[in-house]
Amino acid sequence: MSRRPGLIRDLFCPENGKTMKKKAPLVIIFITIFLDLVGFGMVIPVLPFYAEHFGASALHIGMLAASFSLMQFIFAPVWGRLSDRIGRRPIILMSLIGSTGSLLLFGLASSLLFLFVARILAGIFMANISAAQAYIADVTPPEQRAKGMGLMGAAFGLGFIFGPAIGGVLSNTAVLENINQLYATLSGTPVMQVIEADKYRIPFFFAAFLSLLNTLSAWLYLPESRTREELEKARTSPASSQSRFARIKAALSKPGVGGLILLFFVITVAFANLEATFALMTERNLHFDATENGYLFVFIGLIAAVVQGTLIGPLTRKFGESRLLVTGLAMQGSGFFFLPYMMSLPDLLPFLALVSVGNALSSPCLHSLISKNTDRDEQGGVLGITQSMGSLARVVGPVWGGWFFDLFGVPAPYWSGGILLLICASFAFTLTASLRASLRPE
């Protein structure tokens, strides 16, 4: 018996034409998410330095990050619910157009205030993950749902591998000198003076160009995933006239689903706490700079891409989402305790891999369980609320991590995060057992 191919290989190398036709929407949404995340990832290594160019302090840079997450918290459920009513395709296209505009504004910024406006707009229009998740839920049967959500995770992982790398290269002076020489040879006009003065603008302009190409590609090739009957049913549903807070309350009060959404919030707080303090921890313990930390994030992204792109499908078929969720949370929590005590790269990498694998296992399984226990006509709204809670967690997590780091020392954020994740593993074990007993089976 031949081994089943992994998710990405299965996606792009189907066994027959009928399978290819069935998988075409997944291929297109994978490419759309991947390109969107490459553009977003390009901004990550550049934004702090670009903001400093306008006199930003560390507090200002933190507020830039918080403004983005706050807009995601507000708008993720809006776009998700709207995608239930008017379709996934219009919302995804609208968000891509808005992302292109916000990236262009970043490149054209002339003041710190201008940067905040651009960052707020980016948060509004990049709050489209719920619509993309709902799209995947539309085109995958329940038994393939975790595999489909793993596809999104793989796109995230790959986007965060290539994006920061491209952003770093495009803001590198040596690379820009070569571009200048090539341009001067072709046109007879050197542009290095302009580039040297505003070299951090280049990645934003390139990201805007990439986002524009992504918009055109989605416009031409991304089909709508919902039928007219489903859209009409969603528009006439009583839930469609509910206020946002009523929908949040309704989602959190759903048996099992509310607990899963709260679980997602707490897990994201714990992991955002690591993301905010990881570079500080490696600087203190290993004397790493931004470049070396970039390599570590590539390592994390590669693990996420491999696990969610090739392993999540076979593992969920064999063990189920519930067991993988609990296992992944236990792996993350255990790894957190060891990370701040590793004083060399060979010691650090195994525990970083443990945390990364755990996160790559738990994230798609948790989203799959939320999706499978939500009615089809409410997928976008509920997943939007889930992403909104995740965005709120990314406001809370970095503040908590930084405060603990300053107040109690390097290990404190990791011990508190590890304890929180192990509590989540215990809660997930109890909650998923309850779901299996009282709701629809996996």
Protein backbone atom coordinates (compact mmCIF):
# COMPACT_ATOMS: atom_id res chain seq x y z
CA MET A 1 0.00 0.00 0.00
CA SER A 2 1.48 3.37 -0.99
CA ARG A 3 1.78 6.12 1.56
CA ARG A 4 -0.75 8.94 1.24
CA PRO A 5 0.93 12.15 0.07
CA GLY A 6 1.18 15.14 2.39
CA LEU A 7 -1.23 18.03 2.25
CA ILE A 8 0.73 20.34 -0.06
CA ARG A 9 1.86 17.52 -2.35
CA ASP A 10 -1.70 16.15 -2.43
CA LEU A 11 -2.99 19.63 -3.15
CA PHE A 12 -0.79 20.39 -6.15
CA CYS A 13 -0.26 16.84 -7.44
CA PRO A 14 -3.71 15.20 -7.42
CA GLU A 15 -4.20 11.72 -8.78
CA ASN A 16 -6.70 12.56 -11.53
CA GLY A 17 -8.51 15.40 -13.27
CA LYS A 18 -11.67 15.01 -11.21
CA THR A 19 -9.65 15.41 -8.03
CA MET A 20 -7.90 18.46 -9.47
CA LYS A 21 -11.23 20.13 -10.24
CA LYS A 22 -12.40 19.43 -6.70
CA LYS A 23 -9.19 20.81 -5.20
CA ALA A 24 -8.90 23.87 -7.47
CA PRO A 25 -10.53 26.28 -4.94
CA LEU A 26 -8.15 25.05 -2.22
CA VAL A 27 -5.14 25.62 -4.51
CA ILE A 28 -6.29 29.18 -5.26
CA ILE A 29 -7.08 30.10 -1.64
CA PHE A 30 -3.71 28.63 -0.57
CA ILE A 31 -1.88 30.82 -3.07
CA THR A 32 -3.98 33.85 -2.09
CA ILE A 33 -3.25 33.43 1.64
CA PHE A 34 0.42 32.67 0.97
CA LEU A 35 0.99 35.82 -1.11
CA ASP A 36 -0.96 37.90 1.40
CA LEU A 37 1.24 36.62 4.23
CA VAL A 38 4.46 37.12 2.24
CA GLY A 39 3.55 40.78 1.82
CA PHE A 40 2.62 41.07 5.49
CA GLY A 41 5.77 39.23 6.59
CA MET A 42 8.00 41.56 4.58
CA VAL A 43 6.96 44.40 6.90
CA ILE A 44 7.99 42.64 10.14
CA PRO A 45 11.79 43.17 10.14
CA VAL A 46 11.54 46.65 8.61
CA LEU A 47 8.74 48.40 10.52
CA PRO A 48 10.66 49.20 13.76
CA PHE A 49 13.55 50.81 11.86
CA TYR A 50 11.20 52.64 9.52
CA ALA A 51 9.23 54.01 12.50
CA GLU A 52 12.48 55.17 14.15
CA HIS A 53 13.18 57.14 10.95
CA PHE A 54 10.19 59.30 12.02
CA GLY A 55 11.36 59.64 15.63
CA ALA A 56 9.32 56.78 17.11
CA SER A 57 10.20 55.48 20.57
CA ALA A 58 9.88 51.87 21.70
CA LEU A 59 6.49 52.78 23.16
CA HIS A 60 5.36 54.19 19.82
CA ILE A 61 6.48 51.01 18.04
CA GLY A 62 4.54 48.92 20.56
CA MET A 63 1.49 51.11 20.02
CA LEU A 64 1.80 50.57 16.26
CA ALA A 65 1.60 46.82 16.85
CA ALA A 66 -1.29 47.22 19.30
CA SER A 67 -3.25 49.45 16.88
CA PHE A 68 -3.05 46.73 14.22
CA SER A 69 -4.25 44.01 16.60
CA LEU A 70 -7.01 46.22 17.98
CA MET A 71 -8.40 46.82 14.48
CA GLN A 72 -8.25 43.08 13.84
CA PHE A 73 -10.22 42.51 17.05
CA ILE A 74 -12.91 44.94 15.92
CA PHE A 75 -13.17 43.99 12.25
CA ALA A 76 -12.49 40.22 12.03
CA PRO A 77 -16.06 39.29 13.09
CA VAL A 78 -17.49 42.05 10.88
CA TRP A 79 -15.83 40.67 7.74
CA GLY A 80 -16.54 37.08 8.77
CA ARG A 81 -20.26 37.68 9.30
CA LEU A 82 -20.51 39.81 6.16
CA SER A 83 -18.91 36.96 4.19
CA ASP A 84 -21.77 34.71 5.37
CA ARG A 85 -24.28 37.15 3.87
CA ILE A 86 -22.67 38.42 0.64
CA GLY A 87 -20.09 35.70 -0.06
CA ARG A 88 -16.45 34.93 0.72
CA ARG A 89 -15.08 36.18 -2.61
CA PRO A 90 -16.19 39.86 -2.28
CA ILE A 91 -14.79 40.13 1.26
CA ILE A 92 -11.45 38.55 0.31
CA LEU A 93 -11.15 40.82 -2.75
CA MET A 94 -12.07 43.91 -0.73
CA SER A 95 -9.48 43.06 1.92
CA LEU A 96 -6.76 42.53 -0.68
CA ILE A 97 -7.52 45.91 -2.30
CA GLY A 98 -7.43 47.57 1.12
CA SER A 99 -4.16 45.83 2.02
CA THR A 100 -2.60 47.09 -1.20
CA GLY A 101 -3.64 50.64 -0.35
CA SER A 102 -2.39 50.46 3.25
CA LEU A 103 1.02 49.12 2.16
CA LEU A 104 1.30 51.89 -0.41
CA LEU A 105 0.49 54.44 2.31
CA PHE A 106 3.27 52.96 4.44
CA GLY A 107 5.74 53.53 1.63
CA LEU A 108 4.52 57.11 1.10
CA ALA A 109 4.45 58.02 4.82
CA SER A 110 5.85 61.44 5.74
CA SER A 111 5.26 61.41 9.51
CA LEU A 112 4.66 59.12 12.47
CA LEU A 113 0.97 60.01 12.39
CA PHE A 114 0.87 58.88 8.76
CA LEU A 115 2.34 55.52 9.88
CA PHE A 116 -0.39 55.09 12.48
CA VAL A 117 -3.09 55.80 9.89
CA ALA A 118 -1.55 53.24 7.52
CA ARG A 119 -1.17 50.66 10.31
CA ILE A 120 -4.78 51.10 11.41
CA LEU A 121 -5.98 50.67 7.82
CA ALA A 122 -3.79 47.56 7.50
CA GLY A 123 -5.40 46.11 10.63
CA ILE A 124 -8.88 46.79 9.25
CA PHE A 125 -8.32 45.25 5.84
CA MET A 126 -6.05 42.38 6.89
CA ALA A 127 -8.73 41.13 9.31
CA ASN A 128 -9.79 38.73 6.54
CA ILE A 129 -8.53 35.46 8.01
CA SER A 130 -12.02 34.52 9.21
CA ALA A 131 -13.38 34.79 5.65
CA ALA A 132 -10.49 32.65 4.35
CA GLN A 133 -11.08 30.07 7.10
CA ALA A 134 -14.80 30.03 6.29
CA TYR A 135 -13.92 29.59 2.59
CA ILE A 136 -11.87 26.50 3.48
CA ALA A 137 -14.74 25.23 5.67
CA ASP A 138 -17.11 25.68 2.70
CA VAL A 139 -15.04 23.60 0.29
CA THR A 140 -13.91 20.79 2.65
CA PRO A 141 -16.08 18.02 4.14
CA PRO A 142 -16.05 17.72 7.96
CA GLU A 143 -13.68 14.75 7.94
CA GLN A 144 -11.14 16.81 5.95
CA ARG A 145 -11.62 20.03 7.94
CA ALA A 146 -8.48 19.82 10.08
CA LYS A 147 -6.46 19.06 6.94
CA GLY A 148 -7.97 22.14 5.29
CA MET A 149 -7.20 24.35 8.30
CA GLY A 150 -3.67 22.89 8.25
CA LEU A 151 -3.42 24.21 4.69
CA MET A 152 -3.94 27.73 6.03
CA GLY A 153 -1.31 27.07 8.69
CA ALA A 154 1.13 25.93 6.01
CA ALA A 155 0.47 29.11 4.03
CA PHE A 156 1.14 31.12 7.19
CA GLY A 157 4.36 29.23 7.86
CA LEU A 158 5.67 29.63 4.31
CA GLY A 159 4.60 33.29 4.20
CA PHE A 160 6.51 34.02 7.38
CA ILE A 161 9.58 32.24 6.01
CA PHE A 162 9.78 34.10 2.71
CA GLY A 163 8.25 37.43 3.78
CA PRO A 164 10.74 38.55 6.47
CA ALA A 165 13.64 37.26 4.36
CA ILE A 166 12.56 39.32 1.34
CA GLY A 167 11.90 42.38 3.52
CA GLY A 168 15.37 42.15 5.04
CA VAL A 169 17.04 41.74 1.66
CA LEU A 170 15.19 44.68 0.10
CA SER A 171 16.29 47.00 2.91
CA ASN A 172 19.92 45.85 2.76
CA THR A 173 22.26 48.59 1.54
CA ALA A 174 24.52 46.22 -0.45
CA VAL A 175 21.55 44.79 -2.33
CA LEU A 176 20.21 48.27 -3.02
CA GLU A 177 23.62 49.33 -4.37
CA ASN A 178 23.42 46.50 -6.91
CA ILE A 179 19.90 47.61 -7.87
CA ASN A 180 21.21 51.14 -8.29
CA GLN A 181 24.04 49.97 -10.56
CA LEU A 182 21.66 47.91 -12.67
CA TYR A 183 19.19 50.80 -12.98
CA ALA A 184 21.98 53.26 -13.82
CA THR A 185 23.30 50.90 -16.52
CA LEU A 186 19.86 50.52 -18.10
CA SER A 187 18.65 54.11 -17.78
CA GLY A 188 21.81 56.17 -17.41
CA THR A 189 20.32 57.72 -14.22
CA PRO A 190 21.50 56.61 -10.76
CA VAL A 191 18.81 56.47 -8.07
CA MET A 192 20.98 55.64 -5.07
CA GLN A 193 20.50 59.04 -3.46
CA VAL A 194 16.76 58.47 -3.23
CA ILE A 195 17.17 54.86 -2.08
CA GLU A 196 19.74 55.71 0.61
CA ALA A 197 17.47 58.40 2.05
CA ASP A 198 14.40 56.17 2.16
CA LYS A 199 15.67 52.59 1.88
CA TYR A 200 13.05 51.30 4.32
CA ARG A 201 10.30 52.38 1.94
CA ILE A 202 11.38 49.85 -0.69
CA PRO A 203 9.93 46.72 1.04
CA PHE A 204 6.58 48.48 1.50
CA PHE A 205 6.36 49.43 -2.18
CA PHE A 206 7.32 45.87 -3.20
CA ALA A 207 4.77 44.41 -0.76
CA ALA A 208 2.09 46.72 -2.22
CA PHE A 209 3.02 45.54 -5.72
CA LEU A 210 2.81 41.89 -4.61
CA SER A 211 -0.57 42.56 -2.97
CA LEU A 212 -1.82 44.15 -6.20
CA LEU A 213 -0.79 41.05 -8.17
CA ASN A 214 -2.53 38.90 -5.56
CA THR A 215 -5.70 41.00 -5.91
CA LEU A 216 -5.70 40.58 -9.71
CA SER A 217 -5.07 36.84 -9.41
CA ALA A 218 -7.91 36.37 -6.91
CA TRP A 219 -10.21 38.53 -9.05
CA LEU A 220 -9.57 36.30 -12.07
CA TYR A 221 -9.39 32.85 -10.50
CA LEU A 222 -10.96 32.73 -7.02
CA PRO A 223 -14.52 31.32 -7.27
CA GLU A 224 -17.30 31.98 -4.77
CA SER A 225 -17.62 29.08 -2.30
CA ARG A 226 -21.25 29.65 -1.28
CA THR A 227 -24.39 29.07 -3.33
CA ARG A 228 -27.12 31.69 -3.82
CA GLU A 229 -29.44 29.65 -1.62
CA GLU A 230 -26.90 29.63 1.23
CA LEU A 231 -26.35 33.40 0.94
CA GLU A 232 -30.09 34.08 0.96
CA LYS A 233 -30.58 31.83 3.98
CA ALA A 234 -27.79 33.66 5.84
CA ARG A 235 -29.28 37.06 4.98
CA THR A 236 -32.71 36.09 6.31
CA SER A 237 -31.38 34.30 9.39
CA PRO A 238 -32.32 35.94 12.73
CA ALA A 239 -28.62 36.03 13.57
CA SER A 240 -27.99 38.42 10.66
CA SER A 241 -29.83 41.25 12.46
CA GLN A 242 -28.04 40.75 15.78
CA SER A 243 -25.64 43.35 17.11
CA ARG A 244 -21.96 42.50 17.23
CA PHE A 245 -21.96 42.03 20.99
CA ALA A 246 -25.08 39.87 20.76
CA ARG A 247 -23.28 37.67 18.20
CA ILE A 248 -20.21 37.42 20.46
CA LYS A 249 -22.45 36.45 23.37
CA ALA A 250 -24.30 33.94 21.17
CA ALA A 251 -21.04 32.40 19.93
CA LEU A 252 -19.59 32.12 23.42
CA SER A 253 -22.83 30.59 24.74
CA LYS A 254 -22.89 27.80 22.13
CA PRO A 255 -22.35 24.45 23.87
CA GLY A 256 -18.70 23.55 23.54
CA VAL A 257 -17.91 26.21 20.93
CA GLY A 258 -17.77 29.02 23.50
CA GLY A 259 -15.28 27.04 25.54
CA LEU A 260 -13.15 26.39 22.45
CA ILE A 261 -13.12 30.11 21.58
CA LEU A 262 -12.06 31.04 25.13
CA LEU A 263 -9.41 28.32 24.93
CA PHE A 264 -8.11 29.90 21.71
CA PHE A 265 -7.94 33.29 23.45
CA VAL A 266 -5.89 32.00 26.39
CA ILE A 267 -3.54 29.97 24.17
CA THR A 268 -2.93 33.00 21.96
CA VAL A 269 -2.20 35.20 25.01
CA ALA A 270 0.43 32.69 26.15
CA PHE A 271 2.05 32.38 22.71
CA ALA A 272 1.96 36.16 22.04
CA ASN A 273 3.78 36.56 25.35
CA LEU A 274 6.60 34.40 23.92
CA GLU A 275 6.65 36.27 20.60
CA ALA A 276 7.04 39.61 22.42
CA THR A 277 9.92 38.52 24.68
CA PHE A 278 11.71 35.86 22.64
CA ALA A 279 14.23 38.25 21.03
CA LEU A 280 14.94 39.84 24.43
CA MET A 281 15.49 36.39 25.93
CA THR A 282 17.94 35.27 23.21
CA GLU A 283 19.73 38.63 23.41
CA ARG A 284 20.26 38.20 27.16
CA ASN A 285 21.08 34.48 27.13
CA LEU A 286 22.78 33.96 23.75
CA HIS A 287 23.77 37.51 22.72
CA PHE A 288 21.78 37.14 19.49
CA ASP A 289 20.97 40.13 17.32
CA ALA A 290 18.05 40.74 14.92
CA THR A 291 19.65 38.70 12.12
CA GLU A 292 20.17 35.61 14.26
CA ASN A 293 16.67 35.90 15.70
CA GLY A 294 15.42 36.10 12.12
CA TYR A 295 17.02 32.73 11.43
CA LEU A 296 15.26 31.29 14.49
CA PHE A 297 11.90 32.53 13.22
CA VAL A 298 12.65 30.91 9.85
CA PHE A 299 13.30 27.68 11.79
CA ILE A 300 9.92 28.04 13.51
CA GLY A 301 8.20 28.79 10.20
CA LEU A 302 9.76 25.76 8.50
CA ILE A 303 8.50 23.48 11.27
CA ALA A 304 5.01 24.95 11.01
CA ALA A 305 5.00 24.51 7.23
CA VAL A 306 6.17 20.88 7.42
CA VAL A 307 3.81 19.83 10.23
CA GLN A 308 0.72 21.64 8.94
CA GLY A 309 1.51 21.07 5.28
CA THR A 310 2.31 17.35 5.33
CA LEU A 311 1.60 15.70 8.69
CA ILE A 312 -1.62 17.17 10.05
CA GLY A 313 -3.92 15.25 7.67
CA PRO A 314 -2.57 11.74 8.38
CA LEU A 315 -2.26 12.48 12.11
CA THR A 316 -5.86 13.69 12.46
CA ARG A 317 -7.14 10.65 10.57
CA LYS A 318 -5.25 8.38 12.93
CA PHE A 319 -5.67 10.17 16.28
CA GLY A 320 -8.43 12.79 15.82
CA GLU A 321 -8.39 16.52 16.45
CA SER A 322 -9.10 16.25 20.18
CA ARG A 323 -6.06 14.14 21.03
CA LEU A 324 -3.76 16.22 18.84
CA LEU A 325 -5.04 19.43 20.43
CA VAL A 326 -4.30 18.18 23.95
CA THR A 327 -0.93 16.75 22.91
CA GLY A 328 0.10 19.95 21.14
CA LEU A 329 -0.79 22.10 24.16
CA ALA A 330 1.13 19.79 26.50
CA MET A 331 4.18 19.96 24.20
CA GLN A 332 4.07 23.76 24.10
CA GLY A 333 3.62 24.12 27.85
CA SER A 334 6.50 21.73 28.59
CA GLY A 335 8.84 23.48 26.13
CA PHE A 336 8.10 26.91 27.61
CA PHE A 337 9.64 25.90 30.96
CA PHE A 338 13.01 25.02 29.41
CA LEU A 339 13.48 27.83 26.85
CA PRO A 340 14.78 30.57 29.21
CA TYR A 341 17.49 28.27 30.65
CA MET A 342 19.14 27.29 27.36
CA MET A 343 22.49 29.08 27.01
CA SER A 344 23.62 27.72 23.64
CA LEU A 345 22.00 27.24 20.24
CA PRO A 346 22.25 23.39 20.26
CA ASP A 347 20.50 23.37 23.64
CA LEU A 348 17.82 25.84 22.54
CA LEU A 349 16.77 24.29 19.22
CA PRO A 350 15.24 21.02 20.52
CA PHE A 351 12.94 22.87 22.96
CA LEU A 352 12.12 25.52 20.36
CA ALA A 353 11.20 22.67 18.00
CA LEU A 354 9.03 21.10 20.73
CA VAL A 355 7.10 24.35 21.18
CA SER A 356 6.83 24.88 17.41
CA VAL A 357 5.54 21.37 16.69
CA GLY A 358 3.05 21.66 19.55
CA ASN A 359 1.72 24.95 18.20
CA ALA A 360 1.56 23.59 14.64
CA LEU A 361 -0.50 20.61 15.87
CA SER A 362 -2.89 22.43 18.19
CA SER A 363 -3.81 25.46 16.07
CA PRO A 364 -5.49 23.76 13.05
CA CYS A 365 -7.14 21.16 15.29
CA LEU A 366 -8.68 23.84 17.49
CA HIS A 367 -10.02 25.77 14.47
CA SER A 368 -11.32 22.53 12.98
CA LEU A 369 -13.24 21.67 16.17
CA ILE A 370 -14.76 25.15 16.28
CA SER A 371 -15.77 24.89 12.62
CA LYS A 372 -17.19 21.36 12.87
CA ASN A 373 -19.38 22.30 15.81
CA THR A 374 -20.77 25.43 14.10
CA ASP A 375 -23.66 25.53 11.64
CA ARG A 376 -22.63 26.06 8.02
CA ASP A 377 -24.49 29.39 7.74
CA GLU A 378 -22.63 30.75 10.79
CA GLN A 379 -19.10 29.64 9.87
CA GLY A 380 -17.84 33.09 8.86
CA GLY A 381 -19.37 34.84 11.86
CA VAL A 382 -18.12 32.37 14.48
CA LEU A 383 -14.65 32.06 12.94
CA GLY A 384 -14.54 35.86 12.72
CA ILE A 385 -15.28 36.12 16.44
CA THR A 386 -12.58 33.52 17.06
CA GLN A 387 -10.02 35.58 15.14
CA SER A 388 -11.25 38.72 16.88
CA MET A 389 -10.55 37.11 20.25
CA GLY A 390 -7.12 36.11 18.95
CA SER A 391 -6.40 39.72 17.99
CA LEU A 392 -7.43 40.89 21.46
CA ALA A 393 -5.09 38.25 22.89
CA ARG A 394 -2.24 39.72 20.80
CA VAL A 395 -2.85 43.04 22.51
CA VAL A 396 -2.86 41.46 25.99
CA GLY A 397 -0.04 38.89 25.54
CA PRO A 398 2.86 41.22 24.66
CA VAL A 399 1.96 43.63 27.49
CA TRP A 400 1.80 40.77 29.98
CA GLY A 401 5.06 39.24 28.71
CA GLY A 402 6.98 42.52 28.76
CA TRP A 403 5.70 43.41 32.23
CA PHE A 404 6.67 39.99 33.66
CA PHE A 405 10.06 40.16 31.90
CA ASP A 406 10.89 43.55 33.46
CA LEU A 407 9.41 42.82 36.87
CA PHE A 408 10.50 39.23 37.57
CA GLY A 409 13.28 38.47 35.08
CA VAL A 410 13.84 36.45 31.90
CA PRO A 411 12.18 33.14 32.94
CA ALA A 412 8.97 34.72 34.29
CA PRO A 413 7.00 35.05 31.01
CA TYR A 414 7.88 31.47 30.06
CA TRP A 415 6.96 29.96 33.41
CA SER A 416 3.65 31.83 33.50
CA GLY A 417 2.96 30.93 29.85
CA GLY A 418 3.90 27.29 30.41
CA ILE A 419 1.59 26.98 33.41
CA LEU A 420 -1.22 28.60 31.43
CA LEU A 421 -0.73 26.21 28.47
CA LEU A 422 -0.74 23.11 30.71
CA ILE A 423 -3.97 24.33 32.31
CA CYS A 424 -5.34 24.76 28.77
CA ALA A 425 -4.30 21.17 27.92
CA SER A 426 -6.25 19.89 30.94
CA PHE A 427 -9.27 22.04 30.06
CA ALA A 428 -9.12 20.92 26.40
CA PHE A 429 -9.07 17.26 27.48
CA THR A 430 -12.24 17.73 29.56
CA LEU A 431 -13.99 19.94 26.98
CA THR A 432 -13.34 17.71 23.95
CA ALA A 433 -14.46 14.65 25.91
CA SER A 434 -17.71 16.51 26.59
CA LEU A 435 -18.04 17.43 22.92
CA ARG A 436 -17.58 13.84 21.81
CA ALA A 437 -20.29 12.74 24.23
CA SER A 438 -22.91 15.44 23.57
CA LEU A 439 -22.31 16.94 20.12
CA ARG A 440 -21.69 15.63 16.65
CA PRO A 441 -18.82 13.18 16.34
CA GLU A 442 -15.50 14.13 14.81
